[in-house]
Protein backbone atom coordinates (compact mmCIF):
# COMPACT_ATOMS: atom_id res chain seq x y z
CA UNK A 1 -0.22 0.23 0.15
CA UNK A 2 2.88 2.50 -0.25
CA UNK A 3 2.64 5.24 -2.81
CA UNK A 4 4.69 3.86 -6.21
CA UNK A 5 5.80 7.82 -7.09
CA UNK A 6 7.28 7.84 -3.57
CA UNK A 7 9.23 4.39 -3.98
CA UNK A 8 10.53 5.68 -7.61
CA UNK A 9 12.06 8.77 -6.08
CA UNK A 10 15.95 8.33 -5.32
CA UNK A 11 15.62 10.46 -1.78
CA UNK A 12 12.68 9.73 0.00
CA UNK A 13 11.25 8.54 3.43
CA UNK A 14 9.48 5.30 3.59
CA UNK A 15 7.66 5.79 7.40
CA UNK A 16 9.32 3.33 9.64
CA UNK A 17 5.97 1.95 11.05
CA UNK A 18 5.01 1.01 7.50
CA UNK A 19 8.48 -0.60 6.75
CA UNK A 20 8.41 -2.66 10.14
CA UNK A 21 4.65 -3.68 9.25
CA UNK A 22 5.73 -4.84 5.89
CA UNK A 23 8.85 -6.97 7.19
CA UNK A 24 6.44 -8.68 9.62
CA UNK A 25 4.10 -9.45 6.87
CA UNK A 26 6.77 -11.08 5.03
CA UNK A 27 7.52 -13.08 7.88
CA UNK A 28 4.10 -14.07 8.44
CA UNK A 29 3.35 -15.35 4.82
CA UNK A 30 6.53 -16.77 4.11
CA UNK A 31 6.95 -18.39 7.63
CA UNK A 32 10.80 -17.73 7.77
CA UNK A 33 11.45 -16.01 11.01
CA UNK A 34 14.99 -15.17 9.74
CA UNK A 35 14.75 -14.01 6.23
CA UNK A 36 16.05 -10.68 7.68
CA UNK A 37 19.38 -12.31 8.61
CA UNK A 38 19.41 -14.33 5.61
CA UNK A 39 19.21 -11.11 3.21
CA UNK A 40 21.55 -9.23 5.58
CA UNK A 41 24.56 -9.55 3.23
CA UNK A 42 22.79 -7.70 0.61
CA UNK A 43 22.28 -4.72 2.67
CA UNK A 44 24.88 -1.94 2.09
CA UNK A 45 24.90 2.06 2.78
CA UNK A 46 25.88 2.42 -0.61
CA UNK A 47 22.61 1.91 -2.01
CA UNK A 48 21.54 4.91 0.69
CA UNK A 49 21.21 7.72 -1.86
CA UNK A 50 22.80 10.88 -1.70
CA UNK A 51 22.75 10.33 2.45
CA UNK A 52 24.89 7.30 2.04
CA UNK A 53 27.06 8.99 -0.60
CA UNK A 54 27.53 11.81 2.01
CA UNK A 55 29.03 9.54 4.82
CA UNK A 56 31.10 7.30 2.49
CA UNK A 57 32.74 10.63 1.32
CA UNK A 58 34.25 11.06 4.87
CA UNK A 59 38.26 10.44 4.58
CA UNK A 60 38.24 8.27 7.60
CA UNK A 61 35.95 5.80 9.36
CA UNK A 62 35.84 7.83 12.60
CA UNK A 63 34.57 10.82 10.09
CA UNK A 64 32.10 8.79 8.30
CA UNK A 65 30.74 7.50 11.64
CA UNK A 66 30.68 11.34 12.94
CA UNK A 67 28.67 12.26 9.56
CA UNK A 68 26.15 9.58 10.28
CA UNK A 69 25.59 10.69 14.09
CA UNK A 70 24.65 14.15 13.17
CA UNK A 71 23.33 13.76 9.86
CA UNK A 72 20.80 10.31 10.82
CA UNK A 73 17.73 13.28 10.74
CA UNK A 74 17.97 13.22 6.76
CA UNK A 75 17.49 9.42 6.67
CA UNK A 76 15.14 8.30 9.44
CA UNK A 77 13.25 10.37 12.10
CA UNK A 78 13.24 9.02 15.49
CA UNK A 79 16.34 7.01 15.69
CA UNK A 80 19.61 7.64 17.27
CA UNK A 81 23.19 6.81 16.97
CA UNK A 82 26.10 7.20 18.95
CA UNK A 83 29.89 6.53 18.93
CA UNK A 84 31.87 5.61 22.12
CA UNK A 85 35.30 4.68 23.10
CA UNK A 86 36.15 2.98 26.41
CA UNK A 87 39.40 0.82 27.21
CA UNK A 88 40.35 0.71 23.54
CA UNK A 89 37.02 -0.40 22.29
CA UNK A 90 34.82 1.53 19.99
CA UNK A 91 31.12 0.99 20.10
CA UNK A 92 28.79 1.77 17.27
CA UNK A 93 25.56 2.11 18.65
CA UNK A 94 22.12 2.52 16.78
CA UNK A 95 18.79 3.15 18.99
CA UNK A 96 15.88 2.30 16.49
CA UNK A 97 12.49 3.70 17.10
CA UNK A 98 10.43 0.74 16.01
CA UNK A 99 12.23 -1.34 18.53
CA UNK A 100 9.89 -4.03 19.98
CA UNK A 101 7.24 -4.05 17.31
CA UNK A 102 6.60 -7.22 15.69
CA UNK A 103 8.82 -7.74 12.76
CA UNK A 104 11.45 -5.61 14.41
CA UNK A 105 13.91 -8.83 14.10
CA UNK A 106 14.35 -7.82 10.79
CA UNK A 107 15.11 -4.19 10.98
CA UNK A 108 17.45 -4.80 13.81
CA UNK A 109 19.80 -7.35 11.35
CA UNK A 110 19.41 -4.83 8.56
CA UNK A 111 20.66 -2.18 10.77
CA UNK A 112 23.64 -4.25 11.69
CA UNK A 113 24.29 -5.30 8.09
CA UNK A 114 24.30 -1.74 7.02
CA UNK A 115 26.42 -0.54 9.82
CA UNK A 116 29.20 -3.49 8.79
CA UNK A 117 29.19 -2.19 5.13
CA UNK A 118 29.92 1.13 6.15
CA UNK A 119 32.99 -0.29 8.16
CA UNK A 120 34.02 -2.41 5.37
CA UNK A 121 34.22 0.68 3.18
CA UNK A 122 37.30 1.71 5.46
CA UNK A 123 38.79 -1.43 7.00
CA UNK A 124 40.46 -4.60 5.16
CA UNK A 125 38.23 -7.07 3.77
CA UNK A 126 39.18 -9.74 6.48
CA UNK A 127 38.02 -7.15 9.41
CA UNK A 128 35.38 -8.93 11.75
CA UNK A 129 34.11 -7.31 14.75
CA UNK A 130 35.09 -8.32 18.17
CA UNK A 131 31.42 -8.54 18.72
CA UNK A 132 27.85 -7.77 17.77
CA UNK A 133 25.09 -6.61 20.09
CA UNK A 134 21.28 -6.94 18.90
CA UNK A 135 18.71 -5.30 20.81
CA UNK A 136 15.94 -8.37 20.10
CA UNK A 137 15.52 -11.48 22.41
CA UNK A 138 18.02 -14.29 22.27
CA UNK A 139 16.24 -16.51 19.34
CA UNK A 140 16.16 -20.35 19.29
CA UNK A 141 18.78 -20.44 16.52
CA UNK A 142 20.98 -17.80 17.97
CA UNK A 143 24.40 -19.98 16.60
CA UNK A 144 23.21 -18.56 13.07
CA UNK A 145 23.60 -15.40 13.86
CA UNK A 146 27.39 -15.88 14.76
CA UNK A 147 27.56 -18.23 11.40
CA UNK A 148 26.43 -15.03 9.43
CA UNK A 149 28.23 -12.44 10.97
CA UNK A 150 31.15 -14.22 11.85
CA UNK A 151 31.76 -12.89 15.25
CA UNK A 152 30.10 -13.41 18.79
CA UNK A 153 26.86 -12.05 18.75
CA UNK A 154 25.10 -11.00 21.86
CA UNK A 155 21.44 -10.33 22.62
CA UNK A 156 18.81 -8.42 24.60
CA UNK A 157 21.39 -5.38 24.29
CA UNK A 158 19.86 -1.81 24.68
CA UNK A 159 20.75 -0.97 20.93
CA UNK A 160 22.16 -2.66 17.62
CA UNK A 161 25.86 -2.25 18.80
CA UNK A 162 29.13 -3.14 16.41
CA UNK A 163 32.37 -3.10 19.02
CA UNK A 164 35.72 -2.86 17.17
CA UNK A 165 39.26 -1.91 18.28
CA UNK A 166 39.27 1.73 18.49
CA UNK A 167 42.27 2.23 16.17
CA UNK A 168 40.75 1.61 13.33
CA UNK A 169 38.43 4.57 13.36
CA UNK A 170 41.20 6.32 11.93
CA UNK A 171 41.40 3.98 8.95
CA UNK A 172 40.85 5.61 5.63
CA UNK A 173 38.80 4.75 2.87
CA UNK A 174 40.16 1.61 0.70
CA UNK A 175 38.08 2.99 -2.48
CA UNK A 176 35.77 6.01 -3.52
CA UNK A 177 32.12 4.59 -4.20
CA UNK A 178 31.72 7.87 -6.25
CA UNK A 179 33.45 10.52 -7.75
CA UNK A 180 31.20 13.24 -6.98
CA UNK A 181 31.65 15.91 -4.20
CA UNK A 182 28.36 15.72 -1.95
CA UNK A 183 27.87 17.80 1.09
CA UNK A 184 25.09 17.84 3.74
CA UNK A 185 23.42 20.60 1.94
CA UNK A 186 22.93 18.23 -1.17
CA UNK A 187 21.27 15.63 1.18
CA UNK A 188 18.98 18.47 2.55
CA UNK A 189 18.24 19.30 -1.23
CA UNK A 190 17.48 15.85 -2.26
CA UNK A 191 14.91 15.24 0.57
CA UNK A 192 13.19 18.70 -0.25
CA UNK A 193 13.69 19.21 -3.92
CA UNK A 194 10.02 18.32 -4.65
CA UNK A 195 8.77 21.14 -2.06
CA UNK A 196 10.86 23.59 -4.10
CA UNK A 197 9.45 22.81 -7.70
CA UNK A 198 6.37 24.75 -6.97
CA UNK A 199 7.81 28.09 -8.77
CA UNK A 200 9.53 28.71 -12.21
CA UNK A 201 12.69 29.89 -10.53
CA UNK A 202 12.59 26.49 -8.37
CA UNK A 203 12.42 24.45 -11.27
CA UNK A 204 15.38 26.31 -13.20
CA UNK A 205 17.54 26.39 -9.99
CA UNK A 206 17.35 22.73 -9.99
CA UNK A 207 18.13 22.37 -13.53
CA UNK A 208 21.32 24.69 -13.36
CA UNK A 209 22.38 22.75 -9.76
CA UNK A 210 22.48 19.53 -11.86
CA UNK A 211 24.33 21.23 -14.59
CA UNK A 212 26.72 22.79 -11.74
CA UNK A 213 27.42 19.36 -10.43
CA UNK A 214 28.35 18.05 -13.73
CA UNK A 215 30.67 21.00 -14.47
CA UNK A 216 29.02 22.21 -17.72
CA UNK A 217 26.17 24.59 -17.64
CA UNK A 218 24.28 25.86 -20.90
CA UNK A 219 21.02 28.02 -21.21
CA UNK A 220 20.39 25.65 -24.52
CA UNK A 221 20.49 22.43 -22.11
CA UNK A 222 18.27 24.18 -19.56
CA UNK A 223 15.61 25.13 -22.03
CA UNK A 224 15.69 21.80 -23.88
CA UNK A 225 15.29 20.41 -20.17
CA UNK A 226 12.15 22.50 -19.58
CA UNK A 227 10.62 21.90 -23.11
CA UNK A 228 10.85 25.64 -24.10
CA UNK A 229 12.88 28.02 -25.96
CA UNK A 230 16.00 29.95 -24.95
CA UNK A 231 14.28 33.14 -25.75
CA UNK A 232 11.21 32.20 -23.85
CA UNK A 233 13.44 30.91 -20.96
CA UNK A 234 15.31 34.38 -20.79
CA UNK A 235 12.24 36.47 -20.92
CA UNK A 236 10.35 34.40 -17.97
CA UNK A 237 13.80 34.75 -16.04
CA UNK A 238 13.33 38.47 -16.46
CA UNK A 239 9.69 38.48 -15.43
CA UNK A 240 9.75 36.10 -12.74
CA UNK A 241 13.04 36.04 -11.22
CA UNK A 242 14.35 39.44 -12.04
CA UNK A 243 17.80 38.19 -13.22
CA UNK A 244 19.28 36.53 -16.13
CA UNK A 245 20.51 33.14 -17.03
CA UNK A 246 24.58 34.00 -16.42
CA UNK A 247 23.21 35.69 -12.95
CA UNK A 248 21.40 32.83 -11.63
CA UNK A 249 23.86 30.43 -12.74
CA UNK A 250 26.84 32.75 -10.77
CA UNK A 251 24.65 32.64 -7.83
CA UNK A 252 23.92 28.97 -7.80
CA UNK A 253 27.68 27.97 -8.61
CA UNK A 254 28.93 30.42 -5.79
CA UNK A 255 26.88 28.95 -3.05
CA UNK A 256 27.80 25.21 -4.11
CA UNK A 257 31.48 26.64 -4.03
CA UNK A 258 30.94 27.80 -0.61
CA UNK A 259 29.29 24.41 0.56
CA UNK A 260 32.55 22.48 -0.77
CA UNK A 261 34.74 24.73 0.82
CA UNK A 262 32.78 24.51 4.23
CA UNK A 263 31.70 21.09 4.44
CA UNK A 264 34.18 18.85 2.36
CA UNK A 265 37.63 18.14 2.34
CA UNK A 266 37.90 18.23 -1.19
CA UNK A 267 41.02 20.62 -2.44
CA UNK A 268 40.63 24.01 -4.23
CA UNK A 269 41.93 22.24 -7.28
CA UNK A 270 39.31 19.32 -6.91
CA UNK A 271 36.58 22.00 -6.37
CA UNK A 272 37.75 24.18 -9.63
CA UNK A 273 37.76 21.09 -11.67
CA UNK A 274 34.47 20.09 -10.11
CA UNK A 275 32.92 23.64 -11.72
CA UNK A 276 34.57 23.21 -14.91
CA UNK A 277 37.39 25.90 -14.55
CA UNK A 278 40.23 25.91 -16.80
CA UNK A 279 42.52 26.48 -13.67
CA UNK A 280 42.20 27.07 -9.92
CA UNK A 281 43.60 30.54 -10.74
CA UNK A 282 40.40 31.41 -12.50
CA UNK A 283 38.23 29.74 -10.01
CA UNK A 284 39.80 31.98 -7.30
CA UNK A 285 39.32 35.12 -9.37
CA UNK A 286 35.68 34.35 -9.66
CA UNK A 287 34.95 33.25 -6.41
CA UNK A 288 36.68 36.51 -4.75
CA UNK A 289 34.60 38.80 -7.27
CA UNK A 290 31.60 37.42 -6.04
CA UNK A 291 32.02 37.00 -2.04
CA UNK A 292 35.25 39.50 -1.35
CA UNK A 293 37.49 36.61 -0.12
CA UNK A 294 39.89 34.09 -1.90
CA UNK A 295 38.59 30.40 -1.32
CA UNK A 296 41.51 29.65 0.94
CA UNK A 297 40.44 32.26 3.23
CA UNK A 298 36.84 31.63 3.11
CA UNK A 299 37.61 28.04 4.46
CA UNK A 300 39.60 29.12 7.27
CA UNK A 301 36.98 31.90 8.12
CA UNK A 302 34.48 29.27 8.53
CA UNK A 303 36.46 26.18 9.68
């Protein structure tokens, strides 16, 4: 009974109560109590849209987990994450708002699997947690959980928790899943974009922003995307926005540059390449003209 248009979106919330009830219905109809555990190996943070990209773009595992803790509301409401270190052990804990509902067993396993996929993006392929804690009653087939996760599993915990050597938090990503530079502002826009498409300026801005992220912007491409002519597009921009296409592009490009300087570890050279500038010096001149500051000075000022 979920809205198919919602499911077709790349960035969307599926209500948690709906999901846990769906999983409970799958268990009831299939008769498989552990199907969530069976499919755990298929769960991956890399399929979580812009939010997943934003987390995995962090330089180290510790930084990725910090991003997850502070940005979880962009993915789910009512849940909470924390990372604590004690006696050399890092505890990565996820407190799920749906705990205790029928079908939650599968949610708990999915949560553990997604957290593991995040760790595997930074740690050696043979990494295994020291132990995993699940916030579910001890099942009759508890040995099956240790077979799947290949580490000790404890039950009746307060949260889904992965425990590992704290020194591993400094490990750097083994490989980048995407060449895109993603900021928390991108994640927010992905969730709110539908609400911003009610105005002509919002539609045009969304088209320009998508082109800015590819490094190539043109009024011809924008007009084609909106199924109109360049002349009509220019006329409507002047009428509804009081600006021409070039001015709107510069505003969006500089907004994006500020986001990358403030919220990513990308170098100024990387950022200039992202925007299609022929050299970092050209980007720096454009940024200074728009903001009155050099990119390096802006980054230092907001750090």
